[in-house]
Amino acid sequence: MSSQYLVRIQPMRDGFLIESTPEEDAIVSAHFHYLRDLTEQGIVLMAGRTLNTDDTSHGLVVFVADSEEHARSIVENDPAVKGGVFRAELFPFAVALVSEKILPT
């Protein structure tokens, strides 16, 4: 049985969102594709980020996994976490409400 998890990700480096290196850009592109692939597989339920560019900026990903070990594996295999561009905090989570507006028509 799958459980839900939330991961909070933040850039490791101050100023990253204002000026990033080509290497960081490539890693973030791989991160986006990784999450997109997981979304297409039905694992990621929602992913997004705040639009502020200071040190409070962060992203959230809500996803399902068979166990906490599996959830940790998903997070640790994210190219941006693996590549040291983002740090991640994993939390057990339960979606309580979902607006129909978030669902595709």
Protein backbone atom coordinates (compact mmCIF):
# COMPACT_ATOMS: atom_id res chain seq x y z
CA MET A 1 0.00 0.00 0.00
CA SER A 2 1.32 3.44 -0.93
CA SER A 3 1.67 6.32 1.50
CA GLN A 4 2.02 10.01 0.74
CA TYR A 5 5.11 12.07 1.41
CA LEU A 6 6.09 15.71 1.13
CA VAL A 7 9.61 16.83 0.35
CA ARG A 8 10.71 20.42 0.89
CA ILE A 9 13.68 21.42 -1.26
CA GLN A 10 15.83 24.53 -1.00
CA PRO A 11 18.84 25.77 -2.94
CA MET A 12 22.12 25.01 -1.21
CA ARG A 13 23.64 28.32 -2.28
CA ASP A 14 22.39 31.84 -1.51
CA GLY A 15 21.79 33.78 -4.72
CA PHE A 16 21.25 30.61 -6.76
CA LEU A 17 17.88 31.79 -8.06
CA ILE A 18 19.32 35.14 -9.16
CA GLU A 19 22.45 33.84 -10.84
CA SER A 20 23.17 30.17 -11.51
CA THR A 21 26.04 28.47 -13.28
CA PRO A 22 25.61 26.47 -16.50
CA GLU A 23 26.34 23.29 -14.48
CA GLU A 24 23.59 24.17 -11.97
CA ASP A 25 21.20 24.92 -14.85
CA ALA A 26 21.87 21.46 -16.34
CA ILE A 27 21.27 19.80 -12.96
CA VAL A 28 18.01 21.71 -12.42
CA SER A 29 16.88 20.72 -15.93
CA ALA A 30 17.56 17.07 -15.04
CA HIS A 31 15.64 17.62 -11.77
CA PHE A 32 12.62 18.94 -13.70
CA HIS A 33 12.68 15.98 -16.10
CA TYR A 34 13.04 13.54 -13.18
CA LEU A 35 9.94 14.98 -11.49
CA ARG A 36 8.05 15.12 -14.79
CA ASP A 37 8.80 11.43 -15.39
CA LEU A 38 7.63 10.57 -11.86
CA THR A 39 4.47 12.61 -12.46
CA GLU A 40 3.76 10.69 -15.66
CA GLN A 41 4.21 7.44 -13.70
CA GLY A 42 1.64 8.59 -11.13
CA ILE A 43 4.20 8.90 -8.32
CA VAL A 44 4.41 12.68 -8.04
CA LEU A 45 1.03 14.21 -7.26
CA MET A 46 2.12 17.86 -7.22
CA ALA A 47 5.35 19.82 -7.51
CA GLY A 48 6.07 23.53 -7.44
CA ARG A 49 8.14 26.30 -5.91
CA THR A 50 7.77 29.65 -4.28
CA LEU A 51 8.46 32.62 -6.54
CA ASN A 52 10.61 34.58 -4.10
CA THR A 53 14.34 34.59 -4.77
CA ASP A 54 15.73 35.16 -1.28
CA ASP A 55 16.81 32.56 1.27
CA THR A 56 13.18 31.69 2.06
CA SER A 57 12.61 30.26 -1.42
CA HIS A 58 11.75 26.58 -1.51
CA GLY A 59 9.95 23.94 -3.51
CA LEU A 60 7.44 21.31 -2.46
CA VAL A 61 6.81 17.90 -3.96
CA VAL A 62 3.95 15.66 -2.83
CA PHE A 63 4.30 12.07 -3.94
CA VAL A 64 3.43 8.47 -3.14
CA ALA A 65 5.80 5.66 -2.19
CA ASP A 66 5.48 2.11 -0.92
CA SER A 67 7.57 2.81 2.20
CA GLU A 68 9.66 5.49 3.87
CA GLU A 69 12.75 3.74 2.48
CA HIS A 70 11.27 3.98 -1.02
CA ALA A 71 10.40 7.65 -0.43
CA ARG A 72 13.97 8.38 0.69
CA SER A 73 15.26 6.66 -2.42
CA ILE A 74 13.08 8.86 -4.64
CA VAL A 75 14.40 11.99 -2.91
CA GLU A 76 18.04 10.86 -2.89
CA ASN A 77 17.90 10.01 -6.61
CA ASP A 78 16.66 13.47 -7.56
CA PRO A 79 19.51 14.87 -9.70
CA ALA A 80 19.42 18.25 -7.89
CA VAL A 81 19.73 16.57 -4.49
CA LYS A 82 22.32 14.10 -5.74
CA GLY A 83 24.21 16.94 -7.45
CA GLY A 84 24.30 19.10 -4.32
CA VAL A 85 22.23 21.95 -5.81
CA PHE A 86 19.23 21.41 -3.48
CA ARG A 87 18.92 20.12 0.07
CA ALA A 88 15.80 18.13 0.88
CA GLU A 89 13.66 17.42 3.94
CA LEU A 90 11.24 14.49 3.77
CA PHE A 91 8.00 14.32 5.76
CA PRO A 92 5.19 11.75 5.95
CA PHE A 93 2.14 13.56 4.57
CA ALA A 94 -1.57 13.10 3.94
CA VAL A 95 -3.53 15.12 1.41
CA ALA A 96 -6.79 16.08 3.11
CA LEU A 97 -8.41 18.28 0.46
CA VAL A 98 -7.86 18.85 -3.25
CA SER A 99 -9.57 21.52 -5.30
CA GLU A 100 -11.06 20.46 -8.61
CA LYS A 101 -9.25 23.48 -10.09
CA ILE A 102 -5.90 21.71 -9.64
CA LEU A 103 -7.04 18.72 -11.67
CA PRO A 104 -6.75 18.76 -15.46
CA THR A 105 -9.98 19.20 -17.38
